[in-house]
Amino acid sequence: MKKILIVFFSCLFLFACKKDDDVSLFVGDWAGNYLGADDNGTFLFTVRDDGSVTGIANSLIFPATYNFVGTVSQTGDIIATEGTSTSGVTFKGTFNGTTVKGTWTNTLNGLNYSGTWSGTRQ
């Protein structure tokens, strides 16, 4: 009986210490395309164990490359920005298995571009 209690409390301790911000389902490299009426291109980003995101988007219309940073929540919501949310490029979306998709906006230098984006795990 003593061994059973030790095993039980050991398991309880391990599960009680599980991180609330576990993003392990989303960790890795992701790539895809963004599309819009005024701009479109490709992107690549990496999700790290701590939920941080770093990536790059390359326009196929303009000579522009956007380096962005962001976060992923444990529920799979992603937000990544170059600049600020009021004057910058912002990608918002949600992970679903091995895919991710969402919307983007570009308000840099007074622009008002927007569209959708989607990608897959690499």
N, C-alpha and C. Protein backbone atom coordinates (compact mmCIF):
# COMPACT_ATOMS: atom_id res chain seq x y z
N MET A 1 0.83 -1.19 0.00
CA MET A 1 0.00 0.00 0.00
C MET A 1 0.87 1.26 0.00
N LYS A 2 1.98 1.20 0.73
CA LYS A 2 2.88 2.35 0.81
C LYS A 2 3.44 2.68 -0.57
N LYS A 3 3.80 1.67 -1.37
CA LYS A 3 4.34 1.89 -2.72
C LYS A 3 3.29 2.51 -3.63
N ILE A 4 2.07 2.06 -3.49
CA ILE A 4 0.98 2.60 -4.32
C ILE A 4 0.78 4.08 -4.01
N LEU A 5 0.82 4.45 -2.73
CA LEU A 5 0.67 5.86 -2.36
C LEU A 5 1.84 6.70 -2.87
N ILE A 6 3.04 6.16 -2.82
CA ILE A 6 4.21 6.89 -3.32
C ILE A 6 4.07 7.14 -4.82
N VAL A 7 3.67 6.11 -5.56
CA VAL A 7 3.48 6.26 -7.01
C VAL A 7 2.36 7.25 -7.29
N PHE A 8 1.25 7.14 -6.56
CA PHE A 8 0.11 8.04 -6.76
C PHE A 8 0.52 9.50 -6.55
N PHE A 9 1.19 9.78 -5.42
CA PHE A 9 1.57 11.16 -5.13
C PHE A 9 2.67 11.66 -6.07
N SER A 10 3.52 10.78 -6.52
CA SER A 10 4.54 11.17 -7.51
C SER A 10 3.87 11.60 -8.80
N CYS A 11 2.91 10.82 -9.27
CA CYS A 11 2.18 11.17 -10.50
C CYS A 11 1.40 12.46 -10.31
N LEU A 12 0.76 12.59 -9.17
CA LEU A 12 0.00 13.81 -8.89
C LEU A 12 0.90 15.04 -8.92
N PHE A 13 2.08 14.92 -8.33
CA PHE A 13 3.03 16.02 -8.33
C PHE A 13 3.47 16.37 -9.74
N LEU A 14 3.77 15.36 -10.57
CA LEU A 14 4.21 15.62 -11.94
C LEU A 14 3.14 16.33 -12.75
N PHE A 15 1.89 15.87 -12.65
CA PHE A 15 0.82 16.50 -13.42
C PHE A 15 0.45 17.87 -12.88
N ALA A 16 0.60 18.07 -11.58
CA ALA A 16 0.29 19.37 -10.99
C ALA A 16 1.32 20.42 -11.41
N CYS A 17 2.52 19.98 -11.75
CA CYS A 17 3.58 20.91 -12.13
C CYS A 17 3.61 21.19 -13.64
N LYS A 18 2.68 20.65 -14.39
CA LYS A 18 2.62 20.88 -15.83
C LYS A 18 2.45 22.37 -16.10
N LYS A 19 3.22 22.88 -17.03
CA LYS A 19 3.15 24.29 -17.37
C LYS A 19 1.79 24.65 -17.95
N ASP A 20 1.25 25.79 -17.52
CA ASP A 20 -0.02 26.26 -18.06
C ASP A 20 0.14 26.85 -19.45
N ASP A 21 1.36 27.19 -19.81
CA ASP A 21 1.60 27.83 -21.10
C ASP A 21 2.26 26.86 -22.08
N ASP A 22 1.88 25.59 -22.03
CA ASP A 22 2.47 24.57 -22.89
C ASP A 22 2.06 24.81 -24.34
N VAL A 23 3.05 25.09 -25.17
CA VAL A 23 2.81 25.33 -26.59
C VAL A 23 3.50 24.27 -27.45
N SER A 24 3.82 23.13 -26.85
CA SER A 24 4.62 22.12 -27.54
C SER A 24 3.98 21.63 -28.84
N LEU A 25 2.66 21.67 -28.95
CA LEU A 25 2.01 21.25 -30.19
C LEU A 25 2.35 22.14 -31.38
N PHE A 26 2.81 23.35 -31.10
CA PHE A 26 3.04 24.34 -32.16
C PHE A 26 4.51 24.63 -32.42
N VAL A 27 5.40 24.06 -31.58
CA VAL A 27 6.83 24.33 -31.69
C VAL A 27 7.37 23.79 -33.00
N GLY A 28 8.20 24.61 -33.67
CA GLY A 28 8.83 24.18 -34.91
C GLY A 28 8.77 25.26 -35.98
N ASP A 29 9.08 24.85 -37.19
CA ASP A 29 9.11 25.77 -38.34
C ASP A 29 7.82 25.65 -39.14
N TRP A 30 7.33 26.79 -39.59
CA TRP A 30 6.08 26.88 -40.35
C TRP A 30 6.33 27.77 -41.56
N ALA A 31 5.70 27.45 -42.67
CA ALA A 31 5.88 28.25 -43.90
C ALA A 31 4.58 28.28 -44.69
N GLY A 32 4.42 29.34 -45.48
CA GLY A 32 3.23 29.43 -46.31
C GLY A 32 3.19 30.71 -47.11
N ASN A 33 1.98 31.14 -47.43
CA ASN A 33 1.75 32.30 -48.29
C ASN A 33 0.76 33.26 -47.63
N TYR A 34 0.94 34.54 -47.95
CA TYR A 34 -0.08 35.52 -47.58
C TYR A 34 -0.61 36.13 -48.87
N LEU A 35 -1.92 36.39 -48.89
CA LEU A 35 -2.60 36.89 -50.08
C LEU A 35 -3.45 38.09 -49.73
N GLY A 36 -3.53 39.04 -50.67
CA GLY A 36 -4.38 40.20 -50.51
C GLY A 36 -4.54 40.91 -51.84
N ALA A 37 -5.45 41.87 -51.89
CA ALA A 37 -5.69 42.60 -53.12
C ALA A 37 -4.50 43.47 -53.52
N ASP A 38 -3.73 43.96 -52.52
CA ASP A 38 -2.64 44.89 -52.79
C ASP A 38 -1.25 44.30 -52.64
N ASP A 39 -1.13 43.17 -51.96
CA ASP A 39 0.18 42.56 -51.73
C ASP A 39 0.01 41.07 -51.49
N ASN A 40 1.02 40.31 -51.81
CA ASN A 40 1.05 38.89 -51.49
C ASN A 40 2.50 38.44 -51.46
N GLY A 41 2.73 37.31 -50.82
CA GLY A 41 4.09 36.83 -50.70
C GLY A 41 4.18 35.55 -49.91
N THR A 42 5.38 35.28 -49.42
CA THR A 42 5.64 34.06 -48.67
C THR A 42 6.12 34.41 -47.27
N PHE A 43 6.02 33.45 -46.37
CA PHE A 43 6.52 33.66 -45.01
C PHE A 43 7.11 32.37 -44.46
N LEU A 44 7.95 32.55 -43.47
CA LEU A 44 8.54 31.45 -42.71
C LEU A 44 8.70 31.93 -41.29
N PHE A 45 8.22 31.13 -40.32
CA PHE A 45 8.44 31.51 -38.93
C PHE A 45 8.70 30.29 -38.07
N THR A 46 9.29 30.55 -36.91
CA THR A 46 9.63 29.51 -35.95
C THR A 46 8.94 29.80 -34.63
N VAL A 47 8.31 28.76 -34.07
CA VAL A 47 7.73 28.84 -32.73
C VAL A 47 8.68 28.12 -31.78
N ARG A 48 9.06 28.79 -30.70
CA ARG A 48 9.97 28.19 -29.71
C ARG A 48 9.19 27.65 -28.51
N ASP A 49 9.87 26.89 -27.67
CA ASP A 49 9.25 26.26 -26.49
C ASP A 49 8.57 27.25 -25.56
N ASP A 50 9.07 28.47 -25.50
CA ASP A 50 8.49 29.47 -24.60
C ASP A 50 7.30 30.21 -25.23
N GLY A 51 6.91 29.82 -26.45
CA GLY A 51 5.78 30.46 -27.13
C GLY A 51 6.16 31.66 -27.96
N SER A 52 7.44 32.00 -28.00
CA SER A 52 7.87 33.15 -28.81
C SER A 52 7.94 32.75 -30.28
N VAL A 53 7.70 33.73 -31.13
CA VAL A 53 7.69 33.54 -32.58
C VAL A 53 8.66 34.53 -33.21
N THR A 54 9.48 34.06 -34.15
CA THR A 54 10.29 34.94 -34.98
C THR A 54 10.13 34.49 -36.42
N GLY A 55 10.08 35.45 -37.32
CA GLY A 55 9.90 35.05 -38.71
C GLY A 55 10.18 36.16 -39.69
N ILE A 56 9.96 35.80 -40.95
CA ILE A 56 10.21 36.72 -42.04
C ILE A 56 9.12 36.52 -43.10
N ALA A 57 8.68 37.62 -43.69
CA ALA A 57 7.73 37.58 -44.80
C ALA A 57 8.34 38.35 -45.96
N ASN A 58 8.24 37.80 -47.14
CA ASN A 58 8.78 38.43 -48.34
C ASN A 58 7.65 38.74 -49.32
N SER A 59 7.54 40.01 -49.68
CA SER A 59 6.53 40.41 -50.65
C SER A 59 6.95 39.97 -52.05
N LEU A 60 5.98 39.50 -52.83
CA LEU A 60 6.22 39.18 -54.24
C LEU A 60 5.86 40.36 -55.14
N ILE A 61 5.26 41.41 -54.56
CA ILE A 61 4.83 42.59 -55.31
C ILE A 61 5.80 43.75 -55.14
N PHE A 62 6.23 43.97 -53.91
CA PHE A 62 7.11 45.09 -53.57
C PHE A 62 8.48 44.58 -53.16
N PRO A 63 9.51 45.42 -53.26
CA PRO A 63 10.83 45.00 -52.76
C PRO A 63 10.86 45.15 -51.24
N ALA A 64 10.08 44.32 -50.55
CA ALA A 64 9.96 44.45 -49.11
C ALA A 64 10.11 43.10 -48.41
N THR A 65 10.84 43.13 -47.30
CA THR A 65 10.98 41.98 -46.42
C THR A 65 10.59 42.44 -45.03
N TYR A 66 9.72 41.69 -44.37
CA TYR A 66 9.24 42.05 -43.04
C TYR A 66 9.75 41.03 -42.04
N ASN A 67 10.48 41.49 -41.04
CA ASN A 67 10.93 40.65 -39.94
C ASN A 67 9.98 40.86 -38.78
N PHE A 68 9.34 39.80 -38.33
CA PHE A 68 8.34 39.96 -37.29
C PHE A 68 8.63 39.07 -36.08
N VAL A 69 8.08 39.48 -34.96
CA VAL A 69 8.16 38.72 -33.70
C VAL A 69 6.76 38.65 -33.11
N GLY A 70 6.55 37.64 -32.28
CA GLY A 70 5.24 37.50 -31.67
C GLY A 70 5.18 36.40 -30.66
N THR A 71 3.94 35.96 -30.39
CA THR A 71 3.71 34.91 -29.40
C THR A 71 2.61 33.96 -29.87
N VAL A 72 2.66 32.77 -29.29
CA VAL A 72 1.61 31.77 -29.48
C VAL A 72 1.07 31.40 -28.11
N SER A 73 -0.25 31.33 -27.99
CA SER A 73 -0.86 30.92 -26.72
C SER A 73 -1.01 29.40 -26.70
N GLN A 74 -1.28 28.85 -25.53
CA GLN A 74 -1.45 27.41 -25.43
C GLN A 74 -2.69 26.92 -26.18
N THR A 75 -3.62 27.83 -26.48
CA THR A 75 -4.80 27.44 -27.25
C THR A 75 -4.56 27.52 -28.76
N GLY A 76 -3.36 27.96 -29.16
CA GLY A 76 -3.01 27.98 -30.57
C GLY A 76 -3.25 29.29 -31.29
N ASP A 77 -3.50 30.35 -30.54
CA ASP A 77 -3.66 31.67 -31.16
C ASP A 77 -2.29 32.30 -31.33
N ILE A 78 -2.05 32.86 -32.52
CA ILE A 78 -0.76 33.48 -32.82
C ILE A 78 -0.99 34.93 -33.19
N ILE A 79 -0.09 35.79 -32.72
CA ILE A 79 -0.04 37.18 -33.16
C ILE A 79 1.43 37.56 -33.30
N ALA A 80 1.77 38.09 -34.46
CA ALA A 80 3.15 38.48 -34.74
C ALA A 80 3.13 39.81 -35.49
N THR A 81 4.08 40.68 -35.15
CA THR A 81 4.07 42.04 -35.68
C THR A 81 5.47 42.53 -36.00
N GLU A 82 5.59 43.29 -37.09
CA GLU A 82 6.75 44.14 -37.32
C GLU A 82 6.27 45.56 -37.12
N GLY A 83 6.96 46.31 -36.29
CA GLY A 83 6.50 47.67 -35.97
C GLY A 83 5.55 47.59 -34.80
N THR A 84 4.45 48.34 -34.89
CA THR A 84 3.44 48.33 -33.83
C THR A 84 2.11 47.90 -34.42
N SER A 85 1.16 47.64 -33.55
CA SER A 85 -0.16 47.23 -34.05
C SER A 85 -0.89 48.37 -34.76
N THR A 86 -0.47 49.62 -34.53
CA THR A 86 -1.11 50.75 -35.20
C THR A 86 -0.33 51.22 -36.43
N SER A 87 0.94 50.88 -36.53
CA SER A 87 1.74 51.23 -37.70
C SER A 87 2.75 50.11 -37.95
N GLY A 88 2.27 49.07 -38.59
CA GLY A 88 3.13 47.93 -38.85
C GLY A 88 2.42 46.83 -39.59
N VAL A 89 3.10 45.72 -39.71
CA VAL A 89 2.54 44.53 -40.34
C VAL A 89 2.18 43.56 -39.22
N THR A 90 0.93 43.10 -39.20
CA THR A 90 0.47 42.20 -38.15
C THR A 90 -0.15 40.95 -38.76
N PHE A 91 0.27 39.81 -38.28
CA PHE A 91 -0.31 38.52 -38.63
C PHE A 91 -1.03 37.97 -37.41
N LYS A 92 -2.32 37.65 -37.54
CA LYS A 92 -3.10 37.02 -36.47
C LYS A 92 -3.69 35.73 -37.02
N GLY A 93 -3.72 34.69 -36.20
CA GLY A 93 -4.29 33.45 -36.68
C GLY A 93 -4.38 32.38 -35.62
N THR A 94 -4.67 31.15 -36.09
CA THR A 94 -4.87 30.02 -35.20
C THR A 94 -4.29 28.76 -35.83
N PHE A 95 -3.64 27.96 -34.99
CA PHE A 95 -3.12 26.67 -35.41
C PHE A 95 -4.23 25.63 -35.35
N ASN A 96 -4.17 24.67 -36.28
CA ASN A 96 -5.12 23.55 -36.29
C ASN A 96 -4.36 22.34 -36.81
N GLY A 97 -3.81 21.54 -35.91
CA GLY A 97 -3.01 20.39 -36.32
C GLY A 97 -1.73 20.83 -36.98
N THR A 98 -1.53 20.42 -38.24
CA THR A 98 -0.31 20.77 -38.96
C THR A 98 -0.51 21.97 -39.88
N THR A 99 -1.61 22.70 -39.69
CA THR A 99 -1.86 23.91 -40.49
C THR A 99 -2.05 25.11 -39.56
N VAL A 100 -1.86 26.28 -40.14
CA VAL A 100 -2.09 27.53 -39.43
C VAL A 100 -2.64 28.51 -40.45
N LYS A 101 -3.60 29.35 -40.03
CA LYS A 101 -4.15 30.35 -40.96
C LYS A 101 -4.72 31.51 -40.19
N GLY A 102 -4.88 32.63 -40.91
CA GLY A 102 -5.43 33.81 -40.27
C GLY A 102 -5.50 34.99 -41.21
N THR A 103 -5.43 36.18 -40.63
CA THR A 103 -5.51 37.42 -41.40
C THR A 103 -4.26 38.26 -41.14
N TRP A 104 -3.98 39.16 -42.07
CA TRP A 104 -2.85 40.07 -41.92
C TRP A 104 -3.28 41.47 -42.30
N THR A 105 -2.58 42.46 -41.73
CA THR A 105 -2.77 43.86 -42.10
C THR A 105 -1.40 44.52 -42.21
N ASN A 106 -1.31 45.51 -43.08
CA ASN A 106 -0.09 46.30 -43.24
C ASN A 106 -0.49 47.76 -43.22
N THR A 107 -0.11 48.44 -42.13
CA THR A 107 -0.39 49.86 -41.99
C THR A 107 0.89 50.70 -41.94
N LEU A 108 2.01 50.11 -42.37
CA LEU A 108 3.27 50.85 -42.41
C LEU A 108 3.17 52.02 -43.37
N ASN A 109 3.71 53.15 -42.98
CA ASN A 109 3.77 54.33 -43.85
C ASN A 109 2.42 54.72 -44.43
N GLY A 110 1.37 54.56 -43.64
CA GLY A 110 0.05 54.98 -44.07
C GLY A 110 -0.68 54.01 -44.98
N LEU A 111 -0.13 52.85 -45.22
CA LEU A 111 -0.81 51.84 -46.04
C LEU A 111 -2.04 51.31 -45.32
N ASN A 112 -2.94 50.71 -46.09
CA ASN A 112 -4.10 50.07 -45.51
C ASN A 112 -4.35 48.77 -46.28
N TYR A 113 -3.37 47.88 -46.26
CA TYR A 113 -3.45 46.60 -46.96
C TYR A 113 -3.87 45.52 -45.98
N SER A 114 -4.54 44.50 -46.50
CA SER A 114 -4.94 43.38 -45.64
C SER A 114 -5.24 42.16 -46.50
N GLY A 115 -5.35 41.03 -45.83
CA GLY A 115 -5.67 39.80 -46.54
C GLY A 115 -5.64 38.61 -45.61
N THR A 116 -5.45 37.45 -46.20
CA THR A 116 -5.42 36.21 -45.43
C THR A 116 -4.07 35.54 -45.60
N TRP A 117 -3.77 34.60 -44.72
CA TRP A 117 -2.53 33.83 -44.83
C TRP A 117 -2.78 32.41 -44.33
N SER A 118 -1.99 31.49 -44.84
CA SER A 118 -2.07 30.10 -44.40
C SER A 118 -0.73 29.42 -44.60
N GLY A 119 -0.48 28.42 -43.77
CA GLY A 119 0.79 27.71 -43.85
C GLY A 119 0.71 26.34 -43.24
N THR A 120 1.83 25.63 -43.34
CA THR A 120 1.92 24.28 -42.81
C THR A 120 3.23 24.10 -42.05
N ARG A 121 3.23 23.09 -41.19
CA ARG A 121 4.44 22.74 -40.46
C ARG A 121 5.47 22.19 -41.45
N GLN A 122 6.71 22.58 -41.26
CA GLN A 122 7.79 22.12 -42.16
C GLN A 122 8.52 20.93 -41.58
